[in-house]
Amino acid sequence: MFGIDNYNTLTWNGHVSNICKGVYKSLNQLKLYKSMLPIPLRKQLISTLIFPYFDYCCIVYNDLNAELNLK
């Protein structure tokens, strides 16, 4: 529902795992082009491709436990 994976267990484990997978995938793709991209462009790509994973619906993450919050 609306990009949040809560499933039927009412835990955040699946959603946090999906976020981690998406972030790692994006970071690995950016890493391939690291030497070809200037630093300002790399920063802009991180802001554009990575930060939205954390900003989207961040208000509902208030009840994450400490372990999931560290991920």
Protein backbone atom coordinates (compact mmCIF):
# COMPACT_ATOMS: atom_id res chain seq x y z
CA MET A 1 0.00 0.00 0.00
CA PHE A 2 1.52 3.32 -1.09
CA GLY A 3 5.05 1.90 -1.27
CA ILE A 4 5.13 0.62 2.28
CA ASP A 5 5.56 -3.13 2.73
CA ASN A 6 3.95 -4.12 6.01
CA TYR A 7 2.44 -7.45 4.95
CA ASN A 8 0.17 -9.27 7.38
CA THR A 9 2.64 -9.57 10.28
CA LEU A 10 2.51 -5.87 11.15
CA THR A 11 6.30 -5.68 11.40
CA TRP A 12 8.76 -3.54 9.47
CA ASN A 13 11.24 -6.34 8.67
CA GLY A 14 10.16 -6.85 5.06
CA HIS A 15 9.92 -3.15 4.33
CA VAL A 16 13.35 -2.38 5.81
CA SER A 17 14.87 -5.28 3.86
CA ASN A 18 13.39 -3.95 0.62
CA ILE A 19 14.73 -0.47 1.33
CA CYS A 20 18.20 -1.87 2.04
CA LYS A 21 18.14 -3.87 -1.20
CA GLY A 22 17.12 -0.82 -3.21
CA VAL A 23 19.77 1.40 -1.64
CA TYR A 24 22.54 -1.19 -2.08
CA LYS A 25 21.53 -1.75 -5.68
CA SER A 26 21.61 1.98 -6.46
CA LEU A 27 24.91 2.48 -4.65
CA ASN A 28 26.54 -0.42 -6.49
CA GLN A 29 25.41 0.98 -9.83
CA LEU A 30 26.78 4.41 -8.94
CA LYS A 31 30.04 2.83 -7.80
CA LEU A 32 30.62 1.50 -11.32
CA TYR A 33 30.71 5.05 -12.69
CA LYS A 34 32.55 6.64 -9.77
CA SER A 35 35.71 7.47 -11.71
CA MET A 36 33.79 8.97 -14.64
CA LEU A 37 31.52 11.31 -12.68
CA PRO A 38 32.56 14.59 -11.08
CA ILE A 39 31.94 14.92 -7.34
CA PRO A 40 29.09 17.48 -7.63
CA LEU A 41 27.21 15.16 -9.98
CA ARG A 42 27.80 12.19 -7.65
CA LYS A 43 26.35 14.19 -4.75
CA GLN A 44 23.34 15.14 -6.84
CA LEU A 45 22.78 11.53 -7.89
CA ILE A 46 22.92 10.39 -4.25
CA SER A 47 20.41 13.08 -3.30
CA THR A 48 18.16 12.07 -6.17
CA LEU A 49 18.43 8.28 -6.08
CA ILE A 50 19.21 7.34 -2.45
CA PHE A 51 17.65 9.91 -0.11
CA PRO A 52 14.08 9.34 -1.34
CA TYR A 53 14.25 5.79 0.02
CA PHE A 54 14.61 7.25 3.51
CA ASP A 55 12.42 10.32 3.15
CA TYR A 56 9.32 8.63 1.73
CA CYS A 57 6.79 8.14 4.54
CA CYS A 58 9.49 8.65 7.18
CA ILE A 59 6.90 9.88 9.67
CA VAL A 60 5.43 6.37 9.98
CA TYR A 61 8.77 4.80 10.90
CA ASN A 62 8.52 6.07 14.50
CA ASP A 63 7.88 2.60 15.89
CA LEU A 64 10.95 0.90 14.39
CA ASN A 65 12.98 -1.06 16.89
CA ALA A 66 16.65 -0.19 17.43
CA GLU A 67 17.98 -2.96 15.17
CA LEU A 68 15.83 -1.98 12.18
CA ASN A 69 16.54 1.70 12.78
CA LEU A 70 20.29 1.05 12.49
CA LYS A 71 19.85 -0.70 9.14
